[in-house]
Protein backbone atom coordinates (compact mmCIF):
# COMPACT_ATOMS: atom_id res chain seq x y z
CA UNK A 1 -0.17 -0.09 -0.03
CA UNK A 2 2.66 2.70 0.50
CA UNK A 3 4.65 1.38 -2.74
CA UNK A 4 6.60 3.56 -4.95
CA UNK A 5 4.51 4.36 -7.90
CA UNK A 6 6.58 4.15 -11.58
CA UNK A 7 4.63 5.46 -14.54
CA UNK A 8 5.28 5.00 -18.23
CA UNK A 9 9.12 5.17 -19.10
CA UNK A 10 9.99 5.74 -15.80
CA UNK A 11 11.96 3.39 -13.45
CA UNK A 12 13.58 2.93 -9.74
CA UNK A 13 16.74 1.21 -8.23
CA UNK A 14 16.67 -0.96 -5.63
CA UNK A 15 20.03 -2.65 -3.81
CA UNK A 16 20.07 -6.53 -2.43
CA UNK A 17 21.59 -7.12 0.83
CA UNK A 18 24.90 -7.98 -0.64
CA UNK A 19 24.86 -4.89 -2.18
CA UNK A 20 24.37 -5.76 -6.09
CA UNK A 21 21.68 -3.48 -7.93
CA UNK A 22 18.35 -4.31 -9.75
CA UNK A 23 16.18 -1.91 -11.83
CA UNK A 24 12.83 -2.02 -11.94
CA UNK A 25 11.70 -0.78 -15.38
CA UNK A 26 8.17 0.37 -16.93
CA UNK A 27 9.51 0.15 -20.29
CA UNK A 28 6.40 0.90 -22.55
CA UNK A 29 9.02 0.33 -25.38
CA UNK A 30 6.28 -0.04 -28.34
CA UNK A 31 3.66 1.84 -26.46
CA UNK A 32 1.34 3.06 -30.21
CA UNK A 33 -1.86 1.57 -29.12
CA UNK A 34 -2.99 3.72 -26.53
CA UNK A 35 -2.82 2.05 -23.28
CA UNK A 36 -0.94 2.81 -19.71
CA UNK A 37 0.57 0.78 -17.46
CA UNK A 38 1.51 2.06 -13.90
CA UNK A 39 3.80 -0.39 -11.45
CA UNK A 40 3.52 -0.07 -7.77
CA UNK A 41 6.90 -1.11 -6.04
CA UNK A 42 8.15 -2.56 -1.92
CA UNK A 43 11.38 -3.52 -3.64
CA UNK A 44 12.87 -5.44 -6.81
CA UNK A 45 11.44 -9.05 -5.64
CA UNK A 46 7.96 -7.21 -4.71
CA UNK A 47 6.16 -5.14 -7.07
CA UNK A 48 2.54 -5.48 -9.27
CA UNK A 49 1.57 -3.54 -12.22
CA UNK A 50 -1.82 -2.68 -13.53
CA UNK A 51 -2.13 -2.08 -17.31
CA UNK A 52 -5.00 -1.07 -19.10
CA UNK A 53 -3.97 -1.74 -22.45
CA UNK A 54 -6.53 -1.51 -25.52
CA UNK A 55 -6.93 -4.46 -28.23
CA UNK A 56 -5.62 -4.35 -31.39
CA UNK A 57 -4.95 -5.97 -34.43
CA UNK A 58 -1.46 -6.70 -35.12
CA UNK A 59 -0.52 -8.55 -32.20
CA UNK A 60 2.51 -6.70 -31.64
CA UNK A 61 3.82 -6.36 -27.84
CA UNK A 62 3.25 -2.71 -26.41
CA UNK A 63 5.18 -3.08 -23.40
CA UNK A 64 7.88 -4.98 -21.31
CA UNK A 65 7.62 -3.79 -17.55
CA UNK A 66 10.36 -5.60 -15.62
CA UNK A 67 12.99 -6.17 -13.09
CA UNK A 68 16.59 -6.51 -14.18
CA UNK A 69 20.64 -6.43 -13.58
CA UNK A 70 22.74 -4.55 -15.94
CA UNK A 71 26.02 -6.43 -16.77
CA UNK A 72 29.26 -5.22 -18.62
CA UNK A 73 29.59 -8.33 -21.08
CA UNK A 74 29.51 -10.58 -17.94
CA UNK A 75 31.08 -14.21 -18.23
CA UNK A 76 27.87 -16.17 -18.97
CA UNK A 77 29.52 -18.68 -16.53
CA UNK A 78 29.38 -16.35 -13.62
CA UNK A 79 25.61 -16.48 -14.19
CA UNK A 80 24.18 -19.52 -13.13
CA UNK A 81 20.15 -18.98 -11.64
CA UNK A 82 17.39 -16.81 -11.35
CA UNK A 83 14.31 -17.47 -8.63
CA UNK A 84 11.10 -15.68 -10.39
CA UNK A 85 7.57 -15.65 -8.82
CA UNK A 86 5.42 -13.79 -11.38
CA UNK A 87 1.95 -14.54 -12.04
CA UNK A 88 -0.89 -12.92 -14.61
CA UNK A 89 -4.36 -12.64 -14.61
CA UNK A 90 -5.64 -14.85 -17.09
CA UNK A 91 -8.14 -12.65 -18.51
CA UNK A 92 -10.82 -12.86 -21.45
CA UNK A 93 -9.23 -11.29 -24.35
CA UNK A 94 -6.08 -10.48 -22.81
CA UNK A 95 -2.74 -11.21 -24.69
CA UNK A 96 0.02 -11.46 -22.48
CA UNK A 97 3.56 -13.60 -21.66
CA UNK A 98 5.43 -13.35 -18.33
CA UNK A 99 9.08 -13.96 -19.54
CA UNK A 100 13.16 -13.59 -19.02
CA UNK A 101 14.69 -11.83 -21.48
CA UNK A 102 18.18 -12.09 -21.79
CA UNK A 103 20.63 -10.15 -23.73
CA UNK A 104 23.48 -12.84 -24.82
CA UNK A 105 26.53 -11.22 -25.77
CA UNK A 106 27.43 -6.99 -26.79
CA UNK A 107 23.93 -5.94 -28.22
CA UNK A 108 21.09 -6.95 -29.79
CA UNK A 109 22.02 -9.46 -32.46
CA UNK A 110 21.24 -12.45 -29.70
CA UNK A 111 18.06 -12.24 -27.20
CA UNK A 112 17.40 -15.84 -25.15
CA UNK A 113 13.44 -15.66 -23.85
CA UNK A 114 12.40 -17.95 -21.35
CA UNK A 115 8.44 -18.03 -21.49
CA UNK A 116 7.58 -19.15 -17.77
CA UNK A 117 3.52 -18.36 -18.65
CA UNK A 118 2.05 -17.58 -22.12
CA UNK A 119 -1.43 -16.70 -22.49
CA UNK A 120 -2.43 -16.44 -26.16
CA UNK A 121 0.65 -14.88 -27.43
CA UNK A 122 3.10 -16.29 -30.29
CA UNK A 123 6.77 -16.57 -30.18
CA UNK A 124 8.90 -14.97 -32.91
CA UNK A 125 9.92 -17.95 -35.16
CA UNK A 126 9.27 -21.53 -35.73
CA UNK A 127 9.45 -24.45 -33.57
CA UNK A 128 12.65 -26.18 -33.98
CA UNK A 129 12.52 -28.79 -30.80
CA UNK A 130 11.65 -29.97 -27.62
CA UNK A 131 13.79 -29.75 -24.92
CA UNK A 132 13.23 -30.76 -21.16
CA UNK A 133 15.77 -28.42 -18.87
CA UNK A 134 15.40 -28.25 -14.61
CA UNK A 135 12.45 -30.39 -14.50
CA UNK A 136 10.10 -29.20 -17.53
CA UNK A 137 9.28 -29.11 -21.15
CA UNK A 138 10.12 -26.18 -23.25
CA UNK A 139 9.27 -25.73 -27.19
CA UNK A 140 12.26 -24.53 -28.88
CA UNK A 141 10.79 -21.61 -30.99
CA UNK A 142 13.73 -19.83 -33.68
CA UNK A 143 14.22 -16.74 -35.43
CA UNK A 144 17.23 -16.13 -37.15
CA UNK A 145 20.11 -18.61 -38.00
CA UNK A 146 23.65 -20.07 -36.96
CA UNK A 147 25.25 -17.09 -34.42
CA UNK A 148 22.28 -14.83 -33.51
CA UNK A 149 18.37 -13.61 -33.61
CA UNK A 150 16.21 -14.50 -31.11
CA UNK A 151 15.37 -18.15 -29.04
CA UNK A 152 12.59 -18.59 -27.13
CA UNK A 153 12.33 -21.36 -24.67
CA UNK A 154 8.10 -21.38 -23.99
CA UNK A 155 7.42 -23.69 -21.19
CA UNK A 156 4.46 -26.36 -22.08
CA UNK A 157 3.06 -25.56 -18.93
CA UNK A 158 2.81 -22.30 -16.37
CA UNK A 159 5.51 -21.50 -14.13
CA UNK A 160 4.80 -19.30 -11.53
CA UNK A 161 7.44 -19.75 -9.44
CA UNK A 162 10.72 -21.15 -9.04
CA UNK A 163 14.54 -21.53 -9.55
CA UNK A 164 15.55 -21.10 -13.60
CA UNK A 165 18.56 -22.96 -14.36
CA UNK A 166 19.41 -20.21 -16.18
CA UNK A 167 23.12 -21.81 -16.94
CA UNK A 168 21.63 -24.79 -18.17
CA UNK A 169 20.06 -22.61 -21.33
CA UNK A 170 23.15 -20.56 -21.98
CA UNK A 171 24.93 -23.99 -23.21
CA UNK A 172 21.61 -25.07 -25.02
CA UNK A 173 21.94 -22.06 -27.05
CA UNK A 174 26.00 -21.86 -27.45
CA UNK A 175 24.94 -25.78 -28.79
CA UNK A 176 22.29 -24.08 -31.42
CA UNK A 177 25.37 -22.12 -32.55
CA UNK A 178 25.74 -18.85 -30.72
CA UNK A 179 29.33 -17.88 -30.01
CA UNK A 180 28.40 -15.39 -27.75
CA UNK A 181 29.90 -15.71 -23.98
CA UNK A 182 28.77 -12.83 -22.35
CA UNK A 183 25.67 -10.55 -21.10
CA UNK A 184 24.78 -7.20 -20.90
CA UNK A 185 21.01 -7.41 -19.28
CA UNK A 186 18.73 -10.14 -17.56
CA UNK A 187 15.14 -9.20 -17.41
CA UNK A 188 11.80 -10.70 -15.62
CA UNK A 189 8.65 -9.19 -16.90
CA UNK A 190 5.63 -9.75 -18.97
CA UNK A 191 5.50 -8.41 -22.17
CA UNK A 192 1.82 -7.27 -22.98
CA UNK A 193 -0.05 -6.94 -26.37
CA UNK A 194 -3.35 -6.08 -24.86
CA UNK A 195 -5.48 -6.29 -21.38
CA UNK A 196 -8.77 -6.26 -23.37
CA UNK A 197 -9.49 -2.27 -22.95
CA UNK A 198 -9.33 -3.43 -19.23
CA UNK A 199 -7.14 -2.53 -16.30
CA UNK A 200 -6.08 -6.42 -15.42
CA UNK A 201 -3.08 -6.55 -12.16
CA UNK A 202 -0.08 -8.96 -13.12
CA UNK A 203 1.66 -9.97 -9.35
CA UNK A 204 5.78 -10.20 -8.76
CA UNK A 205 6.31 -11.94 -5.72
CA UNK A 206 10.08 -13.06 -5.65
CA UNK A 207 13.14 -12.23 -7.78
CA UNK A 208 16.67 -12.94 -7.46
CA UNK A 209 19.59 -13.80 -9.80
CA UNK A 210 22.83 -15.94 -8.34
CA UNK A 211 25.68 -14.96 -10.28
């Protein structure tokens, strides 16, 4: 009830006990449908948002409110896992995915996504495999080929909380041809396409990266 309000485009910095910094970002990077999203944050591991995003025909992601840690091309070998808890409203007419979004390498050429909950959305590209990582089954979607593009791991059952073994995903994308060995950002949040024009709440109640 006494959380910090973060409006669209804004952010807030929080530090964990060990001194590591996390940033909550109300990232309305493609907000052209006229919606509005407001975050209320008590900490990097305790925040929620209410989004009112109208239905639109092109199924494009409008906004990605998230919590993340920035890295200066840190070696992937130093990042092992991330604890998470996030849940959407699963509302009629809504389209969204709750997901990790990890930028591998030094730019925007390698995007690794792990969708923990999907509600009516479709990843970029096509299904190229099905794998089991950390006891959960994922469809592997790929856009682009070789050393780059977007690889999305779509959990075949919703995961509202858990401990994501990030190091195992890093190994898998490298086996699929990625040569990059560093990262500059690890995010967890929700890609919102629309909330059917109604205010809907998304809750994020745990997060911590082990690095």
